[in-house]
Protein backbone atom coordinates (compact mmCIF):
# COMPACT_ATOMS: atom_id res chain seq x y z
CA MET A 1 0.00 0.00 0.00
CA PRO A 2 1.42 3.47 -0.90
CA LYS A 3 2.43 5.61 2.08
CA SER A 4 0.46 8.74 2.89
CA LEU A 5 2.00 12.20 3.26
CA LEU A 6 1.67 11.92 7.03
CA ASP A 7 3.46 8.55 7.09
CA LEU A 8 6.38 9.95 5.06
CA TYR A 9 6.58 13.01 7.30
CA ARG A 10 6.64 10.90 10.48
CA GLU A 11 9.24 8.52 9.03
CA HIS A 12 11.70 11.30 8.15
CA ARG A 13 10.76 13.96 10.70
CA GLY A 14 14.27 13.97 12.25
CA GLU A 15 15.93 14.96 8.95
CA ILE A 16 13.21 17.52 8.21
CA ASP A 17 13.57 19.14 11.65
CA ALA A 18 17.35 19.43 11.19
CA LEU A 19 16.92 20.85 7.68
CA THR A 20 14.49 23.55 8.89
CA ASP A 21 16.45 24.53 12.03
CA PRO A 22 19.26 26.98 11.07
CA THR A 23 21.08 26.45 14.39
CA ALA A 24 21.10 22.63 14.11
CA LEU A 25 22.17 22.84 10.46
CA PHE A 26 25.05 25.23 11.28
CA VAL A 27 26.22 23.04 14.23
CA LEU A 28 26.22 20.00 11.90
CA PHE A 29 28.22 21.93 9.26
CA PHE A 30 30.67 23.29 11.88
CA VAL A 31 31.48 19.84 13.35
CA ASN A 32 31.85 18.42 9.85
CA GLU A 33 34.44 21.11 9.05
CA ASN A 34 36.34 20.89 12.37
CA GLY A 35 36.10 17.19 13.23
CA ARG A 36 35.25 15.50 16.53
CA MET A 37 35.29 17.85 19.56
CA THR A 38 34.17 18.02 23.16
CA ARG A 39 30.65 19.11 24.05
CA ALA A 40 32.04 21.99 26.15
CA ASP A 41 34.18 23.35 23.28
CA LEU A 42 31.30 23.08 20.81
CA GLN A 43 28.88 24.89 23.14
CA LYS A 44 31.44 27.67 23.68
CA GLU A 45 32.04 28.06 19.93
CA MET A 46 28.29 28.16 19.20
CA ASN A 47 27.62 30.62 22.09
CA LEU A 48 24.49 28.69 23.10
CA THR A 49 22.90 28.36 26.53
CA PRO A 50 23.01 24.85 28.07
CA THR A 51 19.30 24.41 27.34
CA GLN A 52 19.64 25.50 23.70
CA PHE A 53 22.74 23.35 23.22
CA ALA A 54 21.10 20.24 24.73
CA ARG A 55 18.07 20.70 22.44
CA VAL A 56 20.22 20.94 19.30
CA ILE A 57 22.36 17.90 20.22
CA GLU A 58 19.27 15.83 21.06
CA GLN A 59 17.67 16.82 17.75
CA LEU A 60 20.76 15.80 15.72
CA ASN A 61 21.14 12.53 17.66
CA ARG A 62 17.47 11.67 17.07
CA ALA A 63 17.96 12.20 13.34
CA GLU A 64 21.09 9.94 13.48
CA LEU A 65 23.17 12.79 12.09
CA PHE A 66 25.29 13.12 15.24
CA GLY A 67 26.99 10.59 17.49
CA THR A 68 28.33 10.95 21.05
CA GLN A 69 31.14 9.14 22.85
CA ALA A 70 31.92 10.07 26.45
CA ASP A 71 32.33 13.89 26.40
CA PHE A 72 32.88 14.05 22.63
CA VAL A 73 30.46 14.63 19.74
CA TYR A 74 31.07 13.72 16.11
CA ILE A 75 29.18 13.72 12.83
CA THR A 76 28.00 10.33 11.62
CA ALA A 77 28.23 9.01 8.11
CA GLY A 78 24.54 9.80 7.79
CA GLY A 79 25.26 13.40 8.80
CA LYS A 80 27.99 13.72 6.16
CA GLN A 81 25.66 12.27 3.54
CA PHE A 82 22.90 14.64 4.67
CA LEU A 83 25.16 17.70 4.12
CA ALA A 84 26.25 16.34 0.76
CA ASP A 85 22.64 15.72 -0.31
CA ILE A 86 21.64 19.33 0.41
CA GLY A 87 24.74 20.70 -1.32
CA MET A 88 26.67 22.07 1.70
CA VAL A 89 29.72 19.79 1.23
CA GLY A 90 31.01 17.29 -1.25
CA ALA A 91 29.82 13.69 -0.88
CA PRO A 92 32.06 11.93 1.72
CA PRO A 93 33.80 8.59 1.08
CA ALA A 94 31.97 5.71 2.76
CA PRO A 95 34.47 2.96 3.67
CA PRO A 96 34.05 0.08 3.96
CA GLN A 97 31.70 -0.31 1.00
CA LYS A 98 31.42 -2.09 -2.31
CA PRO A 99 31.48 -0.05 -5.54
CA PRO A 100 27.95 1.42 -5.92
CA ASN A 101 25.76 0.02 -8.68
CA ASP A 102 23.76 2.14 -11.13
CA ALA A 103 20.71 2.21 -8.84
CA ALA A 104 22.77 3.48 -5.89
CA GLN A 105 24.32 6.21 -8.05
CA PHE A 106 20.86 7.32 -9.17
CA LEU A 107 19.64 7.45 -5.54
CA ARG A 108 22.62 9.63 -4.54
CA PHE A 109 21.87 11.94 -7.49
CA VAL A 110 18.25 12.46 -6.47
CA GLY A 111 19.02 12.47 -2.70
CA GLY A 112 18.98 16.28 -2.39
CA GLY A 113 15.67 16.60 -4.18
CA PHE A 114 14.28 13.77 -2.02
CA LEU A 115 15.04 15.64 1.21
CA ILE A 116 13.62 18.93 -0.13
CA ALA A 117 10.46 17.04 -1.13
CA LEU A 118 10.24 15.64 2.41
CA LEU A 119 10.47 19.21 3.74
CA ALA A 120 7.58 20.29 1.52
CA ILE A 121 5.56 17.23 2.61
CA GLY A 122 6.23 18.03 6.27
CA LEU A 123 5.10 21.65 5.90
CA THR A 124 1.98 20.57 3.98
CA VAL A 125 1.03 17.99 6.64
CA PHE A 126 1.60 20.57 9.36
CA ALA A 127 -0.67 23.03 7.53
CA ILE A 128 -3.40 20.42 7.10
CA SER A 129 -3.23 19.28 10.75
CA THR A 130 -3.34 22.83 12.18
CA GLY A 131 -5.81 24.36 9.71
CA GLY A 132 -3.27 26.73 8.14
CA LEU A 133 0.37 27.77 8.50
CA ASP A 134 -0.48 31.24 9.81
CA PRO A 135 -3.79 31.11 11.71
CA PHE A 136 -5.30 34.45 12.70
CA LEU A 137 -6.42 35.24 16.21
CA ALA A 138 -9.93 36.66 16.50
CA THR A 139 -10.14 39.90 18.52
CA ALA A 140 -13.25 40.23 20.65
CA THR A 141 -15.12 43.54 20.19
CA PRO A 142 -16.23 44.95 23.53
CA THR A 143 -19.99 45.34 23.91
CA ARG A 144 -21.23 48.76 25.06
CA THR A 145 -23.49 48.55 28.05
CA ASN A 146 -25.72 51.28 29.51
CA THR A 147 -24.65 52.44 32.96
CA PRO A 148 -27.58 53.31 35.22
CA LEU A 149 -27.57 56.83 36.61
CA PRO A 150 -27.04 57.09 40.35
CA THR A 151 -30.08 57.95 42.41
CA ALA A 152 -30.21 59.89 45.65
CA MET A 153 -29.78 57.71 48.73
CA PRO A 154 -32.48 58.10 51.40
CA THR A 155 -31.35 59.66 54.67
CA ALA A 156 -32.00 57.50 57.72
CA SER A 157 -33.73 59.18 60.63
CA THR A 158 -32.17 58.99 64.05
CA THR A 159 -34.06 56.76 66.51
CA PRO A 160 -33.05 55.91 70.09
CA THR A 161 -31.72 52.35 70.60
CA LEU A 162 -31.57 50.17 73.74
CA THR A 163 -28.11 48.73 74.45
CA VAL A 164 -27.97 45.46 76.46
CA THR A 165 -24.69 44.55 78.19
CA PRO A 166 -24.10 40.74 78.12
CA THR A 167 -23.08 38.93 81.27
CA ALA A 168 -19.80 37.03 81.40
CA THR A 169 -20.01 33.35 80.41
CA PRO A 170 -17.77 30.98 82.40
CA THR A 171 -15.23 29.05 80.22
CA PHE A 172 -13.89 25.54 80.79
CA THR A 173 -10.21 24.75 80.04
CA PRO A 174 -9.54 21.01 79.59
CA THR A 175 -6.49 19.46 81.28
CA PRO A 176 -4.11 17.95 78.68
CA THR A 177 -3.51 14.23 78.95
CA ARG A 178 -0.11 12.61 78.48
CA THR A 179 0.24 10.41 75.39
CA ALA A 180 2.75 7.65 74.94
CA ALA A 181 5.69 8.45 72.65
CA ALA A 182 5.62 6.63 69.30
CA THR A 183 8.20 3.91 68.90
CA SER A 184 9.80 3.11 65.53
CA SER A 185 10.28 -0.46 64.41
CA PRO A 186 13.37 -1.43 62.39
CA THR A 187 12.87 -1.61 58.59
CA PRO A 188 13.38 -5.16 57.34
CA THR A 189 16.29 -5.66 54.91
CA LEU A 190 15.06 -6.66 51.44
CA ILE A 191 16.75 -9.67 49.86
CA PRO A 192 17.58 -9.18 46.15
CA ASN A 193 15.78 -11.55 43.81
CA VAL A 194 18.30 -13.16 41.43
CA ALA A 195 16.15 -16.05 40.21
CA GLY A 196 15.87 -16.48 36.44
CA VAL A 197 17.98 -16.74 33.29
CA TRP A 198 21.17 -14.69 32.96
CA TYR A 199 23.87 -14.39 30.28
CA HIS A 200 27.53 -13.82 31.16
CA ASN A 201 30.69 -13.07 29.19
CA PHE A 202 31.41 -16.74 28.46
CA GLY A 203 28.10 -18.55 28.98
CA GLU A 204 24.71 -18.65 30.71
CA LEU A 205 23.21 -18.93 34.22
CA ARG A 206 19.91 -20.47 35.34
CA LEU A 207 19.31 -19.55 38.98
CA GLU A 208 16.80 -20.52 41.67
CA GLN A 209 16.52 -18.86 45.08
CA ARG A 210 15.21 -19.60 48.57
CA GLY A 211 15.83 -16.69 50.91
CA THR A 212 19.55 -15.93 50.75
CA THR A 213 20.41 -19.38 49.35
CA VAL A 214 20.94 -19.59 45.58
CA SER A 215 21.36 -22.69 43.40
CA GLY A 216 21.27 -23.45 39.71
CA ILE A 217 23.29 -24.22 36.58
CA PHE A 218 26.49 -22.46 35.43
CA VAL A 219 27.19 -22.88 31.69
CA ASP A 220 30.90 -22.44 30.78
CA GLU A 221 31.03 -22.25 26.98
CA PHE A 222 34.82 -21.93 26.92
CA ARG A 223 34.92 -25.51 28.29
CA ASP A 224 31.60 -26.60 26.72
CA ALA A 225 30.48 -27.62 30.23
CA LYS A 226 27.43 -27.32 32.51
CA GLU A 227 28.03 -27.34 36.27
CA ASN A 228 25.94 -27.15 39.42
CA LEU A 229 26.07 -23.82 41.24
CA PHE A 230 25.56 -23.06 44.95
CA GLY A 231 25.87 -19.62 46.56
CA THR A 232 24.82 -17.28 49.36
CA LEU A 233 23.59 -13.67 49.12
CA THR A 234 24.95 -11.06 51.51
CA GLY A 235 23.27 -7.80 50.56
CA ARG A 236 24.01 -7.43 46.84
CA ILE A 237 27.06 -9.74 46.88
CA LEU A 238 26.62 -13.35 45.73
CA GLN A 239 29.45 -15.75 46.59
CA GLY A 240 29.61 -19.45 45.92
CA LYS A 241 31.01 -22.39 43.99
CA THR A 242 30.38 -24.54 40.96
CA ASP A 243 31.56 -28.13 40.58
CA THR A 244 35.08 -26.97 39.64
CA ALA A 245 35.31 -23.24 40.44
CA SER A 246 34.46 -20.42 42.84
CA PHE A 247 32.97 -16.99 42.13
CA THR A 248 32.19 -13.61 43.72
CA TRP A 249 29.67 -11.34 41.99
CA THR A 250 28.43 -7.85 42.90
CA LEU A 251 24.93 -6.97 41.67
CA ASP A 252 23.91 -3.50 40.54
CA GLU A 253 21.21 -1.58 42.46
CA LYS A 254 18.41 -2.76 40.17
CA VAL A 255 19.68 -6.38 40.32
CA ASN A 256 19.89 -6.49 36.51
CA THR A 257 23.67 -6.82 35.94
CA PHE A 258 26.65 -8.18 37.86
CA ASP A 259 30.42 -7.81 37.83
CA GLY A 260 32.99 -9.94 39.62
CA THR A 261 35.52 -12.74 39.38
CA TYR A 262 35.61 -16.43 38.54
CA SER A 263 38.40 -18.85 39.44
CA GLY A 264 38.45 -22.42 38.17
CA SER A 265 40.10 -25.01 35.96
CA ALA A 266 39.17 -23.10 32.79
CA SER A 267 41.23 -20.12 33.99
CA ASN A 268 44.05 -22.22 35.52
CA PHE A 269 42.59 -21.25 38.92
CA ARG A 270 43.45 -17.58 38.55
CA ALA A 271 40.74 -14.97 39.16
CA VAL A 272 39.38 -13.70 35.83
CA ASN A 273 36.67 -11.21 34.96
CA ASN A 274 33.14 -12.60 35.06
CA CYS A 275 30.22 -10.25 34.30
CA GLY A 276 26.76 -10.44 32.81
CA ALA A 277 23.11 -9.39 32.75
CA ARG A 278 19.60 -10.80 33.04
CA ALA A 279 17.95 -12.10 29.88
CA GLY A 280 16.59 -9.14 27.92
CA ILE A 281 18.78 -6.56 29.76
CA GLU A 282 21.78 -4.67 28.31
CA PHE A 283 25.24 -5.66 29.50
CA ALA A 284 27.15 -2.97 31.41
CA ALA A 285 29.76 -1.07 29.38
CA GLY A 286 33.11 -2.87 29.44
CA CYS A 287 31.57 -6.35 29.70
CA SER A 288 31.98 -8.57 26.64
CA PHE A 289 31.53 -6.41 23.49
CA ALA A 290 29.40 -3.76 25.28
CA GLY A 291 30.68 -0.17 25.51
CA ALA A 292 33.04 2.16 23.65
CA TRP A 293 35.85 1.04 21.30
CA ILE A 294 38.48 2.60 19.05
CA ASN A 295 38.66 0.84 15.66
CA ARG A 296 41.07 0.44 12.80
CA VAL A 297 39.04 -0.06 9.63
CA ALA A 298 39.49 0.97 5.99
CA ASP A 299 42.71 2.94 6.66
CA ASN A 300 41.08 4.81 9.57
CA SER A 301 42.94 4.11 12.82
CA ASN A 302 40.79 6.35 15.02
CA CYS A 303 37.27 5.18 14.22
CA ALA A 304 34.94 5.43 17.26
CA MET A 305 32.46 2.60 17.84
CA THR A 306 29.83 2.08 20.58
CA LEU A 307 28.11 -1.29 21.01
CA LYS A 308 25.38 -2.72 23.22
CA ARG A 309 24.83 -6.40 23.99
CA ILE A 310 21.49 -8.02 24.95
CA ASP A 311 21.58 -11.81 25.41
CA ARG A 312 23.55 -13.01 22.34
CA LYS A 313 22.75 -10.02 20.10
CA VAL A 314 25.11 -7.07 19.59
CA SER A 315 24.32 -3.81 17.76
CA GLY A 316 25.67 -0.28 17.59
CA THR A 317 27.30 2.44 15.54
CA TYR A 318 30.80 3.11 14.26
CA CYS A 319 32.34 6.16 12.59
CA ASN A 320 30.98 5.26 9.17
CA GLY A 321 27.67 3.51 9.88
CA GLU A 322 26.08 0.71 11.88
CA VAL A 323 26.80 -2.92 12.85
CA GLU A 324 24.56 -5.76 14.02
CA GLY A 325 25.47 -9.36 14.77
CA THR A 326 25.16 -12.56 16.83
CA LEU A 327 27.59 -14.06 19.38
CA GLN A 328 28.94 -17.56 19.80
CA SER A 329 31.80 -19.01 21.86
CA ASP A 330 34.72 -21.13 20.65
CA ALA A 331 35.68 -23.77 23.24
CA LYS A 332 38.95 -24.56 21.43
CA SER A 333 40.38 -21.04 21.44
CA ASN A 334 38.53 -19.51 24.44
CA GLU A 335 37.23 -16.74 22.18
CA THR A 336 33.90 -14.98 21.75
CA LEU A 337 33.04 -14.59 18.05
CA LEU A 338 30.74 -11.83 16.75
CA SER A 339 29.48 -12.25 13.17
CA GLY A 340 27.09 -9.95 11.39
CA GLU A 341 26.50 -7.14 8.90
CA TRP A 342 27.80 -3.57 8.63
CA SER A 343 26.02 -0.79 6.74
CA THR A 344 26.91 2.78 5.87
CA GLY A 345 24.72 5.87 5.63
CA GLY A 346 22.36 7.14 8.30
CA LEU A 347 19.26 6.74 6.08
CA ARG A 348 20.45 3.33 4.80
CA LEU A 349 18.72 4.13 1.51
CA PHE A 350 22.00 5.52 0.19
CA GLY A 351 24.41 3.16 2.04
CA ALA A 352 26.35 0.01 1.30
CA ARG A 353 26.35 -3.28 3.21
CA GLY A 354 28.73 -6.15 3.89
CA SER A 355 29.78 -8.79 6.41
CA PHE A 356 32.14 -8.62 9.38
CA ARG A 357 33.59 -11.01 11.97
CA PHE A 358 35.26 -10.06 15.27
CA TYR A 359 37.34 -12.34 17.53
CA LEU A 360 37.37 -11.35 21.26
CA PRO A 361 39.92 -13.44 23.20
CA GLY A 362 39.58 -14.59 26.82
CA TYR A 363 37.73 -12.87 29.64
CA ASP A 364 38.93 -9.25 29.79
CA ALA A 365 37.33 -7.75 26.63
CA LEU A 366 40.15 -5.26 25.98
CA GLN A 367 40.82 -5.81 22.25
CA PHE A 368 39.59 -7.80 19.25
CA SER A 369 40.88 -8.66 15.77
CA GLY A 370 38.78 -9.35 12.69
CA ASN A 371 37.75 -8.43 9.16
CA TYR A 372 35.06 -7.03 6.94
CA ASN A 373 33.94 -8.71 3.72
CA ASN A 374 36.23 -11.59 4.85
CA THR A 375 39.18 -9.75 3.29
CA PHE A 376 40.00 -6.40 4.87
CA GLU A 377 41.22 -5.66 8.39
CA TRP A 378 38.88 -4.49 11.15
CA CYS A 379 40.06 -4.56 14.76
CA GLY A 380 39.38 -2.62 17.94
CA TRP A 381 40.58 -1.82 21.46
CA ARG A 382 39.33 -0.06 24.58
CA VAL A 383 40.22 3.59 25.19
CA ASN A 384 42.59 2.62 28.02
CA SER A 385 44.10 -0.35 26.15
CA ARG A 386 46.34 -0.93 23.10
CA PRO A 387 45.63 -2.20 19.57
CA PRO A 388 46.02 -5.95 19.03
CA ALA A 389 49.39 -7.12 17.71
CA ARG A 390 47.62 -8.42 14.61
CA CYS A 391 44.56 -6.59 13.31
CA LEU A 392 43.42 -8.70 10.31
CA ARG A 393 41.97 -12.14 10.98
CA SER A 394 39.73 -14.17 8.72
CA ALA A 395 38.91 -17.70 7.61
CA GLN A 396 41.87 -17.54 5.20
CA ILE A 397 44.14 -15.94 7.83
CA PRO A 398 43.38 -17.68 11.18
């Protein structure tokens, strides 16, 4: 079924809002010309109040034209394409991508006209929904009313009056009674509920709970093993053992994620990082693939990427587009493998697509090696870590 004008306007409202807001458009152009910068520096350069600045950044983020990482802001590949489509800059390169076909070239050629058409659609829908772009306010005409003429007030005649003096009425003052002081009872300590299915950085958990006693199954995918688990809760700290290991986990305030250590035969009985989250909940940044990374991809050695992990799914953005993939563990190499698809261009209509594969070794999640399109290097590392010794890794280059 063809889309209505209102559907098209709602679908692309973020781009239309940015196109019709001179401040947002200038901020986008300024960051494109000057590169990634801190929020404080950008606000100072733009001479905006904190409220105005927050509104502009939120508007550009919602339209996927801007990205944020810690205290920095940067223009996304979609933002660069947006400026190119409206003729403010030349079309940016979009690595990694395959050579565009004839259809993609045609879409890039008509991209500017497409966005201007969306603007016209948005203004038309707004006019229809409000009854006009410039409604007039009706001014009430005051109604003239006749004011009655004052009439002479009658003069009261003086008559003698009898004044009666009341007699005093006795009053009764009640004697206050002593009430017992209220006593406060101690507030019972709530026991966190950890029962349910959890995912951790190298497996799964299935937990049951009775009071402060916890039992269940610990799945160690690096050893391809399932073990019994027994533990005790003290506040938000869960300590216990599996058949071959011991663990100490600290739960967050909402009891949705945990961070701690694991020590067993799989780690040669040294304490290693063990973290995770409930099923359906995002992993905390720094656990597994979740959080901020610096990438080397397509000759760019300072490509920012931010990922989120829920269960075995990972998605996020990098300096030139978006990634989405699925996790699996390799028991032979003690690695977590992420395979999926990358795409470039904020609107995706103009972007390219391809495959990628990342290899995250061990438990610490500090660096990964990998490839895109099974041929070209793509690796990453944490902000406080170093690049891997070897960036490119693929099926042909293990």
